[in-house]
Protein backbone atom coordinates (compact mmCIF):
# COMPACT_ATOMS: atom_id res chain seq x y z
CA UNK A 1 99.92 105.95 69.58
CA UNK A 2 101.80 108.80 67.98
CA UNK A 3 104.82 108.46 66.11
CA UNK A 4 106.44 109.54 68.83
CA UNK A 5 105.45 107.00 71.03
CA UNK A 6 102.84 109.23 73.53
CA UNK A 7 99.44 107.44 74.37
CA UNK A 8 96.58 108.40 76.02
CA UNK A 9 95.29 106.80 79.43
CA UNK A 10 92.72 107.38 81.93
CA UNK A 11 92.02 110.69 83.59
CA UNK A 12 93.63 113.06 80.83
CA UNK A 13 97.01 111.24 81.49
CA UNK A 14 99.63 110.69 78.65
CA UNK A 15 102.01 107.55 78.04
CA UNK A 16 105.35 108.92 76.93
CA UNK A 17 109.00 107.44 76.88
CA UNK A 18 111.42 108.59 79.18
CA UNK A 19 113.62 111.51 78.37
CA UNK A 20 116.68 109.68 78.25
CA UNK A 21 118.87 107.59 80.52
CA UNK A 22 118.55 110.09 83.46
CA UNK A 23 114.96 111.19 83.53
CA UNK A 24 114.37 112.48 86.85
CA UNK A 25 110.51 111.50 87.10
CA UNK A 26 111.19 107.77 85.97
CA UNK A 27 114.42 107.28 88.65
CA UNK A 28 112.03 109.13 91.16
CA UNK A 29 109.34 106.16 89.89
CA UNK A 30 112.06 103.27 89.96
CA UNK A 31 113.01 104.07 93.62
CA UNK A 32 109.58 103.72 94.97
CA UNK A 33 108.93 100.48 92.99
CA UNK A 34 112.48 99.27 94.04
CA UNK A 35 114.11 101.51 97.39
CA UNK A 36 116.53 98.64 97.84
CA UNK A 37 118.43 99.77 95.27
CA UNK A 38 120.90 102.86 95.37
CA UNK A 39 120.49 106.07 92.95
CA UNK A 40 123.78 104.61 91.29
CA UNK A 41 122.04 101.57 90.45
CA UNK A 42 118.96 102.86 89.09
CA UNK A 43 120.83 104.89 86.55
CA UNK A 44 122.66 101.72 85.47
CA UNK A 45 119.50 99.92 85.07
CA UNK A 46 117.86 103.01 82.89
CA UNK A 47 120.96 103.12 80.34
CA UNK A 48 120.82 99.73 80.52
CA UNK A 49 117.26 99.48 79.83
CA UNK A 50 117.12 102.05 77.19
CA UNK A 51 120.57 100.85 75.81
CA UNK A 52 118.53 96.88 75.17
CA UNK A 53 115.74 98.86 73.61
CA UNK A 54 113.77 98.05 76.14
CA UNK A 55 109.68 99.43 76.45
CA UNK A 56 110.10 102.25 78.96
CA UNK A 57 106.84 104.50 79.57
CA UNK A 58 105.89 107.13 81.99
CA UNK A 59 102.54 108.27 82.87
CA UNK A 60 102.33 112.01 83.16
CA UNK A 61 99.78 114.08 84.42
CA UNK A 62 98.47 117.30 82.61
CA UNK A 63 100.77 119.43 84.08
CA UNK A 64 103.96 116.80 84.15
CA UNK A 65 103.89 115.02 87.32
CA UNK A 66 104.56 111.47 86.93
CA UNK A 67 102.17 108.87 87.74
CA UNK A 68 103.11 105.79 87.01
CA UNK A 69 105.56 103.42 85.04
CA UNK A 70 105.71 100.55 83.15
CA UNK A 71 109.48 98.85 81.40
CA UNK A 72 109.30 95.29 79.72
CA UNK A 73 111.58 93.68 77.51
CA UNK A 74 111.77 90.64 75.31
CA UNK A 75 113.05 87.87 76.57
CA UNK A 76 114.77 85.17 74.18
CA UNK A 77 115.86 82.91 76.83
CA UNK A 78 113.36 80.30 78.42
CA UNK A 79 110.60 81.91 80.66
CA UNK A 80 108.97 80.19 83.18
CA UNK A 81 105.15 79.01 81.66
CA UNK A 82 105.48 79.66 78.24
CA UNK A 83 105.94 78.14 75.19
CA UNK A 84 107.27 80.53 72.88
CA UNK A 85 110.10 82.73 71.95
CA UNK A 86 110.73 85.65 72.02
CA UNK A 87 108.59 86.37 75.05
CA UNK A 88 107.75 90.12 75.87
CA UNK A 89 108.13 89.93 80.20
CA UNK A 90 107.08 92.62 82.41
CA UNK A 91 110.22 93.84 83.99
CA UNK A 92 108.68 96.75 86.34
CA UNK A 93 104.92 98.27 86.56
CA UNK A 94 104.55 101.08 89.46
CA UNK A 95 101.55 102.66 89.65
CA UNK A 96 101.86 105.99 92.69
CA UNK A 97 99.26 105.47 95.52
CA UNK A 98 97.34 108.82 94.67
CA UNK A 99 96.92 107.07 91.17
CA UNK A 100 95.98 103.65 91.56
CA UNK A 101 92.32 102.36 91.07
CA UNK A 102 91.76 104.72 87.78
CA UNK A 103 92.75 101.87 85.07
CA UNK A 104 96.44 102.72 84.80
CA UNK A 105 98.37 99.92 85.31
CA UNK A 106 95.52 98.19 82.78
CA UNK A 107 96.74 101.18 80.08
CA UNK A 108 100.12 101.06 80.83
CA UNK A 109 100.16 96.52 80.38
CA UNK A 110 97.79 97.53 77.40
CA UNK A 111 100.63 99.40 75.70
CA UNK A 112 103.19 96.59 76.61
CA UNK A 113 100.77 94.06 74.70
CA UNK A 114 100.93 96.31 71.68
CA UNK A 115 104.03 96.98 71.74
CA UNK A 116 104.76 93.13 71.62
CA UNK A 117 102.30 92.55 68.98
CA UNK A 118 104.58 94.54 67.17
CA UNK A 119 106.91 93.33 67.83
CA UNK A 120 105.56 89.98 66.53
CA UNK A 121 105.38 87.88 70.60
CA UNK A 122 102.65 85.78 71.03
CA UNK A 123 102.77 86.05 74.93
CA UNK A 124 103.44 89.00 77.75
CA UNK A 125 104.54 86.94 80.87
CA UNK A 126 105.72 88.42 84.24
CA UNK A 127 106.79 87.50 87.75
CA UNK A 128 106.62 89.01 91.36
CA UNK A 129 107.87 87.70 94.84
CA UNK A 130 105.89 84.48 96.23
CA UNK A 131 104.58 86.28 99.29
CA UNK A 132 103.62 89.34 96.84
CA UNK A 133 99.84 88.98 97.68
CA UNK A 134 98.62 92.28 96.43
CA UNK A 135 100.84 91.99 93.32
CA UNK A 136 99.38 88.45 92.47
CA UNK A 137 95.68 90.03 92.58
CA UNK A 138 96.72 93.35 90.16
CA UNK A 139 98.25 90.51 87.66
CA UNK A 140 95.12 88.44 88.25
CA UNK A 141 93.01 91.88 87.83
CA UNK A 142 95.43 93.03 84.07
CA UNK A 143 94.37 89.82 82.70
CA UNK A 144 97.71 87.60 83.67
CA UNK A 145 97.68 83.75 84.73
CA UNK A 146 99.45 82.54 87.04
CA UNK A 147 101.54 79.22 85.62
CA UNK A 148 104.26 78.17 88.42
CA UNK A 149 105.40 78.77 91.39
CA UNK A 150 109.29 78.47 91.78
CA UNK A 151 111.69 78.88 94.92
CA UNK A 152 115.31 80.22 94.14
CA UNK A 153 118.21 78.41 95.85
CA UNK A 154 121.79 79.62 96.21
CA UNK A 155 124.98 77.87 97.68
CA UNK A 156 128.37 79.21 98.08
CA UNK A 157 131.05 77.81 96.92
CA UNK A 158 134.22 79.61 97.63
CA UNK A 159 134.28 81.72 100.49
CA UNK A 160 135.42 85.52 99.05
CA UNK A 161 139.14 86.40 99.80
C-alpha cells in the first residue's frame, strides 16, 4: 500500500480511500448494500465513519468507476465470538454484480486485515443476518469461521406520546 492509502486489486482495480464524507461513489455503493437507508442516513453514516477513523476503501476501475467498497472499524466493546480487544470489525462489504467472482471481495478484506494488523488487532470479526446464506458463504470463502448465532428481541417499555 502506498503512503496515500492506495493499493492494487485484481483486474487492475485500485483500492482508494473515499474523497470525503460526501463521496458520491461511496454513497452509491452503500445504497446498493443498505437500500433501506435514506440518502441523508448514508451521508450521516459516512461522516460518522470518517470522524471515527474507520477504515474505508473503494475499489475503482481504470476509468474511475466504483466496483465495490469495504468499511471496517475497531471495536473495544465485547464482540460476539472473539477473545481479544480491540477487534477489527467488518461493518460493510459490497462488490457490484458485474465485478463479482474476480477476487475483489478477497482483496478488500485483505486490505482490512492488513490495516487491523497495523492497528494491533488480533482478530477480524463480522456479522450478517441469520437468513442471508449467500453472505454466510462469502464469509466462509474469505476465511471467516462462524462462532455463534444470536437472535435479538425487543419489547416496548412505554408507548411514544
